[in-house]
Amino acid sequence: MDVTINPESAVRNHYEGTKYPYFILNSNEDILSGIFSLQVNKDTDLKIISLKGNELAPIRLPGDKEWFSNLKYTETGDNMLKIPFEIDISINNSEDILLIPIINDNFFYSGEHSGVIRLVTIDNVKLNKAMIDEQTISDVDIETFHPRPSIKLTDINGNRINEVIREDKLYLSKNWSHLELANIMYDTIVDILWIDEEGKTEIIAENVQLNKNENFKLEIKKRYLDIMKENTKRQFFVVINNRNQKVLADSEAFNQNKKPTLTTFQLIKEILPTITD
């Protein structure tokens, strides 16, 4: 899975000796265009959702006159998908753009690995020593270090909700009320979003402080649980840290040997329907 940005809309760059790329938008450019690539080995229905910061960013195929909440694409057979896209980036001033591919129903997003592409668009890099030092991680065992937290859904007592299979489909075995982030090995700040496969979004929590060696447990407000219960589409939690130029601070801290690995993440956890019988 990869994205190539059209150089006519933005130019790829790197901060000093770091490896993490960012993009400098061309002057007065309100549209970011590129090509999304994905290898598939069978018939595939794909939807791509784009976010700028924590807001849905309208997306379309080049040549379309209308903007959409998601980009739908169907491919038959074993192929490398190459899907051109345009994103309306005029909606806010965030430097973060997320591209979230939703692959057809037999693909499950566990939250263990990133299924999201993040692009950072920056006109003027404003890193300073304090931002880089904030990313420092020391006194850790690299052999057991987890750069990303794990995500699980739990009940009110903190019991994990297991997945079960019914008629070849995955379900949750009982009702849940909390989202828990565990295996946190460093301090960081995250945003937690809810999206569905059509592009509906809700901000569940912003600027949440995660503390080293402490599990974080968030009770989901009833109004969000009601939205999820009534929604019949596929649904997901998205958890993101190091927003905007903090991505570059993370990369520069690693470049300066202030941390054992990069710790920027954008994780997606599928919210399965519940079956109680």
Protein backbone atom coordinates (compact mmCIF):
# COMPACT_ATOMS: atom_id res chain seq x y z
CA MET A 1 0.00 0.00 0.00
CA ASP A 2 1.45 3.34 -1.05
CA VAL A 3 0.59 6.84 -2.21
CA THR A 4 2.37 8.91 -4.83
CA ILE A 5 1.63 12.64 -4.77
CA ASN A 6 1.35 14.59 -8.00
CA PRO A 7 4.32 17.03 -8.03
CA GLU A 8 2.09 19.65 -9.64
CA SER A 9 0.07 19.88 -6.41
CA ALA A 10 2.83 19.32 -3.81
CA VAL A 11 6.59 18.72 -3.70
CA ARG A 12 8.07 15.92 -1.58
CA ASN A 13 10.76 16.96 0.91
CA HIS A 14 12.63 15.77 4.02
CA TYR A 15 13.65 17.63 7.17
CA GLU A 16 17.45 17.73 7.36
CA GLY A 17 18.73 14.16 7.84
CA THR A 18 15.42 12.54 8.70
CA LYS A 19 13.72 9.91 6.58
CA TYR A 20 10.10 10.93 7.18
CA PRO A 21 8.78 12.82 4.14
CA TYR A 22 6.53 15.84 4.11
CA PHE A 23 4.98 17.76 1.25
CA ILE A 24 5.18 21.45 0.40
CA LEU A 25 1.95 22.53 -1.26
CA ASN A 26 2.18 24.57 -4.41
CA SER A 27 1.07 28.17 -4.01
CA ASN A 28 -2.71 28.70 -3.73
CA GLU A 29 -3.33 24.96 -4.14
CA ASP A 30 -6.59 23.78 -2.56
CA ILE A 31 -6.50 20.29 -4.08
CA LEU A 32 -4.01 17.55 -3.27
CA SER A 33 -3.82 14.96 -6.04
CA GLY A 34 -2.01 11.66 -6.37
CA ILE A 35 -2.27 7.93 -6.95
CA PHE A 36 -3.18 5.33 -4.33
CA SER A 37 -1.57 1.90 -4.97
CA LEU A 38 -2.61 -1.43 -3.48
CA GLN A 39 -1.81 -5.02 -4.47
CA VAL A 40 -4.89 -7.27 -4.50
CA ASN A 41 -5.09 -10.99 -5.23
CA LYS A 42 -8.82 -11.40 -5.78
CA ASP A 43 -11.94 -9.45 -6.66
CA THR A 44 -11.87 -6.39 -4.42
CA ASP A 45 -14.31 -3.66 -3.48
CA LEU A 46 -12.47 -0.70 -2.01
CA LYS A 47 -13.52 2.58 -0.44
CA ILE A 48 -11.05 5.34 0.39
CA ILE A 49 -11.87 7.89 3.09
CA SER A 50 -9.75 11.01 3.55
CA LEU A 51 -9.43 13.13 6.69
CA LYS A 52 -7.70 16.47 7.15
CA GLY A 53 -6.94 16.75 10.82
CA ASN A 54 -10.03 15.30 12.46
CA GLU A 55 -12.47 16.38 9.74
CA LEU A 56 -13.71 14.48 6.71
CA ALA A 57 -11.99 15.83 3.58
CA PRO A 58 -14.03 15.52 0.38
CA ILE A 59 -12.45 13.21 -2.21
CA ARG A 60 -13.07 12.40 -5.88
CA LEU A 61 -11.57 10.93 -9.03
CA PRO A 62 -9.83 13.46 -11.31
CA GLY A 63 -12.38 14.75 -13.80
CA ASP A 64 -15.33 14.40 -11.43
CA LYS A 65 -17.30 17.58 -10.89
CA GLU A 66 -18.75 16.52 -7.53
CA TRP A 67 -16.97 15.79 -4.25
CA PHE A 68 -17.78 12.68 -2.21
CA SER A 69 -17.41 11.43 1.37
CA ASN A 70 -15.55 8.37 0.08
CA LEU A 71 -14.06 7.10 -3.15
CA LYS A 72 -15.48 3.77 -4.35
CA TYR A 73 -13.51 1.44 -6.60
CA THR A 74 -13.97 -2.17 -7.76
CA GLU A 75 -11.22 -4.38 -9.19
CA THR A 76 -11.59 -7.86 -10.69
CA GLY A 77 -8.76 -10.38 -10.39
CA ASP A 78 -5.13 -10.26 -9.26
CA ASN A 79 -3.76 -6.79 -9.92
CA MET A 80 -1.87 -3.80 -8.58
CA LEU A 81 -4.56 -1.19 -8.07
CA LYS A 82 -3.56 2.33 -9.04
CA ILE A 83 -6.35 4.75 -8.19
CA PRO A 84 -5.97 8.46 -8.99
CA PHE A 85 -7.58 10.81 -6.47
CA GLU A 86 -8.10 14.44 -5.57
CA ILE A 87 -8.67 15.71 -2.01
CA ASP A 88 -10.18 19.07 -1.09
CA ILE A 89 -7.69 20.39 1.48
CA SER A 90 -9.27 23.82 1.91
CA ILE A 91 -11.52 22.72 4.79
CA ASN A 92 -9.15 23.59 7.67
CA ASN A 93 -5.53 24.48 8.54
CA SER A 94 -4.39 21.07 9.77
CA GLU A 95 -1.13 19.75 8.29
CA ASP A 96 -2.24 16.11 8.71
CA ILE A 97 -4.00 14.17 5.95
CA LEU A 98 -5.10 10.58 6.49
CA LEU A 99 -6.07 8.18 3.72
CA ILE A 100 -8.07 5.23 5.06
CA PRO A 101 -8.69 2.33 2.68
CA ILE A 102 -11.70 0.17 3.58
CA ILE A 103 -11.26 -3.19 1.85
CA ASN A 104 -14.24 -5.51 1.25
CA ASP A 105 -15.91 -7.39 4.08
CA ASN A 106 -13.53 -10.32 4.50
CA PHE A 107 -10.68 -8.04 5.61
CA PHE A 108 -10.67 -7.33 9.37
CA TYR A 109 -8.88 -4.32 10.88
CA SER A 110 -7.57 -5.57 14.24
CA GLY A 111 -5.86 -2.40 15.43
CA GLU A 112 -2.54 -4.21 15.79
CA HIS A 113 -0.99 -2.58 12.75
CA SER A 114 -1.54 0.62 10.85
CA GLY A 115 -3.99 0.38 7.97
CA VAL A 116 -3.82 4.10 7.37
CA ILE A 117 -1.57 6.32 5.24
CA ARG A 118 -0.60 9.69 6.72
CA LEU A 119 0.61 12.59 4.62
CA VAL A 120 2.00 15.76 6.18
CA THR A 121 1.71 19.04 4.26
CA ILE A 122 3.89 21.84 5.60
CA ASP A 123 4.59 25.31 4.26
CA ASN A 124 7.12 26.26 6.93
CA VAL A 125 8.90 23.77 9.20
CA LYS A 126 8.96 25.12 12.76
CA LEU A 127 10.74 22.43 14.73
CA ASN A 128 12.62 23.44 17.86
CA LYS A 129 14.72 21.69 20.48
CA ALA A 130 11.83 21.45 22.94
CA MET A 131 9.66 19.62 20.40
CA ILE A 132 12.45 17.15 19.66
CA ASP A 133 13.35 16.63 23.33
CA GLU A 134 9.68 15.94 24.07
CA GLN A 135 9.99 12.88 21.84
CA THR A 136 12.93 11.43 23.80
CA ILE A 137 12.49 7.86 25.03
CA SER A 138 15.21 6.39 27.26
CA ASP A 139 15.70 3.52 29.68
CA VAL A 140 13.79 0.98 27.61
CA ASP A 141 14.57 -2.57 26.59
CA ILE A 142 14.57 -2.54 22.80
CA GLU A 143 13.85 -6.28 22.75
CA THR A 144 10.48 -5.81 24.48
CA PHE A 145 9.66 -2.27 23.36
CA HIS A 146 6.28 -1.77 21.64
CA PRO A 147 6.16 1.40 19.53
CA ARG A 148 2.34 1.28 19.32
CA PRO A 149 -0.30 0.66 21.97
CA SER A 150 -2.77 -2.18 21.57
CA ILE A 151 -6.47 -1.42 21.22
CA LYS A 152 -9.27 -3.45 22.74
CA LEU A 153 -12.95 -3.08 23.54
CA THR A 154 -14.01 -3.93 27.09
CA ASP A 155 -17.07 -4.03 29.31
CA ILE A 156 -17.60 -1.83 32.35
CA ASN A 157 -15.47 -4.17 34.47
CA GLY A 158 -12.53 -4.05 32.08
CA ASN A 159 -13.10 -7.52 30.64
CA ARG A 160 -12.01 -7.84 27.03
CA ILE A 161 -14.75 -8.58 24.52
CA ASN A 162 -13.82 -11.59 22.43
CA GLU A 163 -14.58 -12.16 18.76
CA VAL A 164 -16.70 -15.15 17.71
CA ILE A 165 -17.50 -16.60 14.30
CA ARG A 166 -21.07 -17.14 13.13
CA GLU A 167 -21.72 -18.30 9.57
CA ASP A 168 -18.19 -17.34 8.52
CA LYS A 169 -18.52 -13.80 9.87
CA LEU A 170 -16.85 -12.19 12.88
CA TYR A 171 -18.89 -10.72 15.74
CA LEU A 172 -18.30 -9.44 19.26
CA SER A 173 -19.51 -11.90 21.89
CA LYS A 174 -21.25 -9.35 24.14
CA ASN A 175 -21.96 -5.67 24.58
CA TRP A 176 -19.09 -3.30 25.31
CA SER A 177 -18.80 0.23 26.69
CA HIS A 178 -15.09 1.14 26.89
CA LEU A 179 -12.11 1.50 24.60
CA GLU A 180 -8.79 0.57 26.20
CA LEU A 181 -5.27 1.37 25.04
CA ALA A 182 -2.68 -0.92 26.62
CA ASN A 183 1.07 -1.65 26.39
CA ILE A 184 1.90 2.06 26.49
CA MET A 185 5.66 2.37 26.88
CA TYR A 186 6.09 6.14 26.59
CA ASP A 187 4.17 9.37 27.10
CA THR A 188 2.20 10.59 24.10
CA ILE A 189 -0.99 12.46 23.18
CA VAL A 190 -3.67 10.95 20.93
CA ASP A 191 -6.90 11.79 19.17
CA ILE A 192 -9.59 9.10 18.97
CA LEU A 193 -12.04 9.19 16.06
CA TRP A 194 -14.99 7.08 14.93
CA ILE A 195 -15.70 6.61 11.24
CA ASP A 196 -17.92 4.39 9.16
CA GLU A 197 -17.24 3.03 5.69
CA GLU A 198 -19.28 5.78 4.04
CA GLY A 199 -17.25 8.58 5.61
CA LYS A 200 -19.40 9.59 8.58
CA THR A 201 -17.12 10.78 11.39
CA GLU A 202 -17.27 11.67 15.06
CA ILE A 203 -14.48 12.98 17.31
CA ILE A 204 -14.62 10.68 20.34
CA ALA A 205 -11.77 12.37 22.24
CA GLU A 206 -9.03 14.89 21.44
CA ASN A 207 -5.64 15.59 23.02
CA VAL A 208 -5.82 12.56 25.30
CA GLN A 209 -2.71 12.13 27.44
CA LEU A 210 -1.32 8.59 27.51
CA ASN A 211 1.22 7.92 30.26
CA LYS A 212 4.09 5.47 30.21
CA ASN A 213 3.28 2.08 31.76
CA GLU A 214 -0.36 3.05 32.38
CA ASN A 215 -3.28 1.52 30.51
CA PHE A 216 -5.80 4.09 29.30
CA LYS A 217 -9.49 3.32 29.57
CA LEU A 218 -12.13 5.54 27.95
CA GLU A 219 -15.83 5.16 28.62
CA ILE A 220 -17.66 5.82 25.36
CA LYS A 221 -20.47 8.33 25.80
CA LYS A 222 -23.97 6.93 25.38
CA ARG A 223 -24.77 9.16 22.42
CA TYR A 224 -21.81 7.69 20.52
CA LEU A 225 -22.77 4.14 21.50
CA ASP A 226 -26.29 4.85 20.22
CA ILE A 227 -24.90 6.13 16.91
CA MET A 228 -22.82 2.97 16.53
CA LYS A 229 -25.71 0.68 17.49
CA GLU A 230 -28.04 2.25 14.93
CA ASN A 231 -25.44 2.29 12.16
CA THR A 232 -25.49 -0.81 9.92
CA LYS A 233 -22.29 0.03 8.02
CA ARG A 234 -18.79 -1.15 8.88
CA GLN A 235 -17.38 1.03 11.66
CA PHE A 236 -13.92 1.79 13.04
CA PHE A 237 -11.98 3.59 15.74
CA VAL A 238 -8.95 5.52 14.49
CA VAL A 239 -6.25 6.43 17.04
CA ILE A 240 -3.59 8.95 16.01
CA ASN A 241 -0.64 10.55 17.82
CA ASN A 242 2.08 13.07 16.87
CA ARG A 243 -0.21 15.38 14.94
CA ASN A 244 1.15 17.80 12.35
CA GLN A 245 4.85 18.71 12.77
CA LYS A 246 5.25 16.39 15.77
CA VAL A 247 5.70 13.69 13.12
CA LEU A 248 8.92 15.40 12.04
CA ALA A 249 9.98 15.90 15.67
CA ASP A 250 9.58 12.13 16.17
CA SER A 251 11.75 11.43 13.12
CA GLU A 252 14.39 13.95 14.15
CA ALA A 253 14.55 12.55 17.70
CA PHE A 254 15.19 9.11 16.22
CA ASN A 255 17.78 10.63 13.88
CA GLN A 256 19.56 12.11 16.94
CA ASN A 257 19.47 8.73 18.77
CA LYS A 258 17.07 10.07 21.39
CA LYS A 259 14.71 7.12 20.98
CA PRO A 260 15.04 3.48 19.85
CA THR A 261 12.53 3.69 16.99
CA LEU A 262 9.90 5.93 15.45
CA THR A 263 6.74 6.09 17.56
CA THR A 264 4.28 7.89 15.28
CA PHE A 265 1.16 5.79 14.72
CA GLN A 266 -2.27 5.93 13.13
CA LEU A 267 -4.16 2.79 14.06
CA ILE A 268 -7.53 1.52 12.88
CA LYS A 269 -9.67 -0.87 14.93
CA GLU A 270 -12.80 -2.35 13.43
CA ILE A 271 -15.93 -2.26 15.60
CA LEU A 272 -17.67 -5.54 14.92
CA PRO A 273 -21.42 -6.02 15.38
CA THR A 274 -22.45 -7.72 18.60
CA ILE A 275 -24.11 -11.12 18.81
CA THR A 276 -25.22 -12.35 22.25
CA ASP A 277 -26.78 -15.76 21.58
